Amino acid sequence: MQIIKRLLLISFILPIHVMAAEVEISNAWVKESIPGTENGAGYFTISNTGTSVISIVGADTDASRAIEVHQHVMRDGMMRMRRVPELALEAGETVVFQPGGYHLMMFGVKNTFKPGDQVEFTLHFSDGDSVSFDAEVRTIR
């Protein structure tokens, strides 16, 4: 009976692992906190290594009160940020979250980000899957 329970548990875990393996996240980092600010930004590279479109529909972190996927856009001659409620990645596509582009915008940072610290993020996808990863805090200098 124990073997059957273990096999059932493994059968539930494996599909999740396989789905998560279709996304590769690398070069994850967070800007160190700017004195006097309560917001922060996270960056990374994400690759869809699967064979179908995936969409990021949200993110979580314990490091801030709220977090959203944002993008910088030029509008009326001014650089502005806008929330991105869903970001689709085609099969084989790679998107770089970087300063001046896509980023994870953190509101109400709970503790100052210091170089060398780690921040954990979880990305949520439209199919219900989630992937967690750590980002190193880097200096802004």
C-alpha atoms as a PDB file:
ATOM      1  CA  MET A   1       0.000   0.000   0.000  1.00  0.00           C
ATOM      2  CA  GLN A   2       2.883   2.407   0.760  1.00  0.00           C
ATOM      3  CA  ILE A   3       4.323   1.809  -2.707  1.00  0.00           C
ATOM      4  CA  ILE A   4       0.998   2.683  -4.350  1.00  0.00           C
ATOM      5  CA  LYS A   5       0.761   5.899  -2.325  1.00  0.00           C
ATOM      6  CA  ARG A   6       4.302   6.860  -3.330  1.00  0.00           C
ATOM      7  CA  LEU A   7       3.662   6.120  -7.001  1.00  0.00           C
ATOM      8  CA  LEU A   8       0.499   8.237  -6.913  1.00  0.00           C
ATOM      9  CA  LEU A   9       2.392  11.088  -5.275  1.00  0.00           C
ATOM     10  CA  ILE A  10       5.145  10.891  -7.899  1.00  0.00           C
ATOM     11  CA  SER A  11       2.583  10.865 -10.713  1.00  0.00           C
ATOM     12  CA  PHE A  12       1.149  14.147  -9.415  1.00  0.00           C
ATOM     13  CA  ILE A  13       4.560  15.775  -8.976  1.00  0.00           C
ATOM     14  CA  LEU A  14       6.102  14.819 -12.334  1.00  0.00           C
ATOM     15  CA  PRO A  15       3.683  16.709 -14.613  1.00  0.00           C
ATOM     16  CA  ILE A  16       4.254  19.890 -12.604  1.00  0.00           C
ATOM     17  CA  HIS A  17       8.005  19.473 -12.851  1.00  0.00           C
ATOM     18  CA  VAL A  18       7.824  18.849 -16.603  1.00  0.00           C
ATOM     19  CA  MET A  19       5.667  21.961 -17.132  1.00  0.00           C
ATOM     20  CA  ALA A  20       8.000  24.084 -15.013  1.00  0.00           C
ATOM     21  CA  ALA A  21      10.977  22.771 -16.977  1.00  0.00           C
ATOM     22  CA  GLU A  22       9.583  24.446 -20.124  1.00  0.00           C
ATOM     23  CA  VAL A  23      10.605  27.823 -18.693  1.00  0.00           C
ATOM     24  CA  GLU A  24      14.202  28.766 -18.015  1.00  0.00           C
ATOM     25  CA  ILE A  25      14.978  31.769 -15.835  1.00  0.00           C
ATOM     26  CA  SER A  26      18.490  33.161 -15.628  1.00  0.00           C
ATOM     27  CA  ASN A  27      20.431  36.275 -14.642  1.00  0.00           C
ATOM     28  CA  ALA A  28      17.894  37.248 -11.961  1.00  0.00           C
ATOM     29  CA  TRP A  29      18.769  40.362  -9.977  1.00  0.00           C
ATOM     30  CA  VAL A  30      17.256  43.217  -7.986  1.00  0.00           C
ATOM     31  CA  LYS A  31      18.477  46.802  -7.739  1.00  0.00           C
ATOM     32  CA  GLU A  32      19.717  47.770  -4.301  1.00  0.00           C
ATOM     33  CA  SER A  33      17.334  50.148  -2.534  1.00  0.00           C
ATOM     34  CA  ILE A  34      17.660  53.848  -3.246  1.00  0.00           C
ATOM     35  CA  PRO A  35      17.627  55.722   0.100  1.00  0.00           C
ATOM     36  CA  GLY A  36      14.216  57.230   0.819  1.00  0.00           C
ATOM     37  CA  THR A  37      12.265  55.054  -1.615  1.00  0.00           C
ATOM     38  CA  GLU A  38       9.734  52.324  -0.837  1.00  0.00           C
ATOM     39  CA  ASN A  39       9.717  50.717  -4.292  1.00  0.00           C
ATOM     40  CA  GLY A  40      12.075  48.321  -6.027  1.00  0.00           C
ATOM     41  CA  ALA A  41      12.609  46.531  -9.325  1.00  0.00           C
ATOM     42  CA  GLY A  42      13.531  42.992 -10.290  1.00  0.00           C
ATOM     43  CA  TYR A  43      15.081  41.800 -13.540  1.00  0.00           C
ATOM     44  CA  PHE A  44      15.782  38.449 -15.193  1.00  0.00           C
ATOM     45  CA  THR A  45      15.835  36.599 -18.499  1.00  0.00           C
ATOM     46  CA  ILE A  46      13.021  34.148 -19.223  1.00  0.00           C
ATOM     47  CA  SER A  47      13.003  31.618 -22.063  1.00  0.00           C
ATOM     48  CA  ASN A  48      10.042  29.545 -23.180  1.00  0.00           C
ATOM     49  CA  THR A  49      11.706  26.227 -23.972  1.00  0.00           C
ATOM     50  CA  GLY A  50       8.384  24.520 -24.639  1.00  0.00           C
ATOM     51  CA  THR A  51       6.415  24.012 -27.838  1.00  0.00           C
ATOM     52  CA  SER A  52       3.448  26.269 -27.085  1.00  0.00           C
ATOM     53  CA  VAL A  53       2.747  29.853 -26.023  1.00  0.00           C
ATOM     54  CA  ILE A  54       2.893  30.594 -22.304  1.00  0.00           C
ATOM     55  CA  SER A  55       1.690  33.767 -20.591  1.00  0.00           C
ATOM     56  CA  ILE A  56       2.916  35.375 -17.382  1.00  0.00           C
ATOM     57  CA  VAL A  57      -0.196  36.614 -15.561  1.00  0.00           C
ATOM     58  CA  GLY A  58       1.269  37.654 -12.221  1.00  0.00           C
ATOM     59  CA  ALA A  59       4.045  37.449  -9.669  1.00  0.00           C
ATOM     60  CA  ASP A  60       4.526  37.174  -5.913  1.00  0.00           C
ATOM     61  CA  THR A  61       7.249  38.014  -3.420  1.00  0.00           C
ATOM     62  CA  ASP A  62       7.356  38.296   0.355  1.00  0.00           C
ATOM     63  CA  ALA A  63       9.797  41.207  -0.033  1.00  0.00           C
ATOM     64  CA  SER A  64       7.111  43.811  -0.803  1.00  0.00           C
ATOM     65  CA  ARG A  65       3.481  44.690  -0.187  1.00  0.00           C
ATOM     66  CA  ALA A  66       2.592  44.298  -3.886  1.00  0.00           C
ATOM     67  CA  ILE A  67       4.292  43.361  -7.160  1.00  0.00           C
ATOM     68  CA  GLU A  68       3.353  43.791 -10.822  1.00  0.00           C
ATOM     69  CA  VAL A  69       4.893  43.102 -14.213  1.00  0.00           C
ATOM     70  CA  HIS A  70       5.665  46.510 -15.756  1.00  0.00           C
ATOM     71  CA  GLN A  71       7.101  47.850 -18.985  1.00  0.00           C
ATOM     72  CA  HIS A  72       8.640  51.200 -19.822  1.00  0.00           C
ATOM     73  CA  VAL A  73       7.033  52.821 -22.868  1.00  0.00           C
ATOM     74  CA  MET A  74       7.674  56.109 -24.629  1.00  0.00           C
ATOM     75  CA  ARG A  75       4.494  58.190 -24.765  1.00  0.00           C
ATOM     76  CA  ASP A  76       4.241  61.844 -25.825  1.00  0.00           C
ATOM     77  CA  GLY A  77       8.003  62.185 -25.632  1.00  0.00           C
ATOM     78  CA  MET A  78       8.143  60.900 -22.036  1.00  0.00           C
ATOM     79  CA  MET A  79       9.219  57.529 -20.688  1.00  0.00           C
ATOM     80  CA  ARG A  80       6.402  56.038 -18.617  1.00  0.00           C
ATOM     81  CA  MET A  81       5.727  52.764 -16.890  1.00  0.00           C
ATOM     82  CA  ARG A  82       2.647  50.691 -17.501  1.00  0.00           C
ATOM     83  CA  ARG A  83       1.344  47.548 -15.854  1.00  0.00           C
ATOM     84  CA  VAL A  84       1.363  44.459 -18.091  1.00  0.00           C
ATOM     85  CA  PRO A  85      -1.524  42.205 -16.993  1.00  0.00           C
ATOM     86  CA  GLU A  86      -0.436  39.354 -19.299  1.00  0.00           C
ATOM     87  CA  LEU A  87       2.851  38.813 -21.109  1.00  0.00           C
ATOM     88  CA  ALA A  88       2.787  36.088 -23.779  1.00  0.00           C
ATOM     89  CA  LEU A  89       5.971  34.274 -24.754  1.00  0.00           C
ATOM     90  CA  GLU A  90       5.940  32.296 -27.988  1.00  0.00           C
ATOM     91  CA  ALA A  91       7.545  28.843 -28.098  1.00  0.00           C
ATOM     92  CA  GLY A  92      11.311  29.329 -28.172  1.00  0.00           C
ATOM     93  CA  GLU A  93      11.070  33.039 -27.314  1.00  0.00           C
ATOM     94  CA  THR A  94      13.350  34.752 -24.791  1.00  0.00           C
ATOM     95  CA  VAL A  95      12.415  38.013 -23.055  1.00  0.00           C
ATOM     96  CA  VAL A  96      14.902  40.047 -21.050  1.00  0.00           C
ATOM     97  CA  PHE A  97      13.535  41.981 -18.067  1.00  0.00           C
ATOM     98  CA  GLN A  98      15.960  44.913 -17.786  1.00  0.00           C
ATOM     99  CA  PRO A  99      16.164  48.585 -16.807  1.00  0.00           C
ATOM    100  CA  GLY A 100      14.209  50.628 -19.331  1.00  0.00           C
ATOM    101  CA  GLY A 101      12.092  47.638 -20.397  1.00  0.00           C
ATOM    102  CA  TYR A 102      10.094  44.894 -18.727  1.00  0.00           C
ATOM    103  CA  HIS A 103      10.614  44.540 -14.968  1.00  0.00           C
ATOM    104  CA  LEU A 104       8.967  43.322 -11.779  1.00  0.00           C
ATOM    105  CA  MET A 105       7.827  46.487  -9.979  1.00  0.00           C
ATOM    106  CA  MET A 106       7.719  46.070  -6.205  1.00  0.00           C
ATOM    107  CA  PHE A 107       5.612  48.461  -4.119  1.00  0.00           C
ATOM    108  CA  GLY A 108       6.108  48.894  -0.386  1.00  0.00           C
ATOM    109  CA  VAL A 109       9.446  47.111  -0.011  1.00  0.00           C
ATOM    110  CA  LYS A 110       9.506  45.646   3.513  1.00  0.00           C
ATOM    111  CA  ASN A 111      13.294  45.717   4.097  1.00  0.00           C
ATOM    112  CA  THR A 112      16.027  47.690   2.373  1.00  0.00           C
ATOM    113  CA  PHE A 113      17.653  45.707  -0.451  1.00  0.00           C
ATOM    114  CA  LYS A 114      21.404  45.472   0.166  1.00  0.00           C
ATOM    115  CA  PRO A 115      23.981  44.088  -2.284  1.00  0.00           C
ATOM    116  CA  GLY A 116      24.440  40.353  -1.793  1.00  0.00           C
ATOM    117  CA  ASP A 117      20.947  39.777  -0.350  1.00  0.00           C
ATOM    118  CA  GLN A 118      18.584  37.314  -2.052  1.00  0.00           C
ATOM    119  CA  VAL A 119      14.961  37.991  -3.025  1.00  0.00           C
ATOM    120  CA  GLU A 120      12.597  35.147  -3.899  1.00  0.00           C
ATOM    121  CA  PHE A 121      10.003  35.588  -6.650  1.00  0.00           C
ATOM    122  CA  THR A 122       7.237  33.389  -7.999  1.00  0.00           C
ATOM    123  CA  LEU A 123       5.876  33.871 -11.512  1.00  0.00           C
ATOM    124  CA  HIS A 124       2.326  32.717 -12.281  1.00  0.00           C
ATOM    125  CA  PHE A 125       1.255  31.516 -15.715  1.00  0.00           C
ATOM    126  CA  SER A 126      -2.132  31.415 -17.437  1.00  0.00           C
ATOM    127  CA  ASP A 127      -2.218  27.602 -17.305  1.00  0.00           C
ATOM    128  CA  GLY A 128      -2.118  27.705 -13.482  1.00  0.00           C
ATOM    129  CA  ASP A 129       1.563  26.735 -13.263  1.00  0.00           C
ATOM    130  CA  SER A 130       4.024  28.726 -11.120  1.00  0.00           C
ATOM    131  CA  VAL A 131       7.816  28.925 -11.072  1.00  0.00           C
ATOM    132  CA  SER A 132       9.895  30.287  -8.182  1.00  0.00           C
ATOM    133  CA  PHE A 133      13.426  31.659  -8.397  1.00  0.00           C
ATOM    134  CA  ASP A 134      15.909  33.716  -6.365  1.00  0.00           C
ATOM    135  CA  ALA A 135      17.434  37.015  -7.437  1.00  0.00           C
ATOM    136  CA  GLU A 136      20.613  38.547  -6.063  1.00  0.00           C
ATOM    137  CA  VAL A 137      20.570  42.182  -5.000  1.00  0.00           C
ATOM    138  CA  ARG A 138      23.156  44.154  -6.985  1.00  0.00           C
ATOM    139  CA  THR A 139      24.611  47.585  -6.389  1.00  0.00           C
ATOM    140  CA  ILE A 140      23.289  50.506  -8.410  1.00  0.00           C
ATOM    141  CA  ARG A 141      26.778  51.985  -8.708  1.00  0.00           C
END
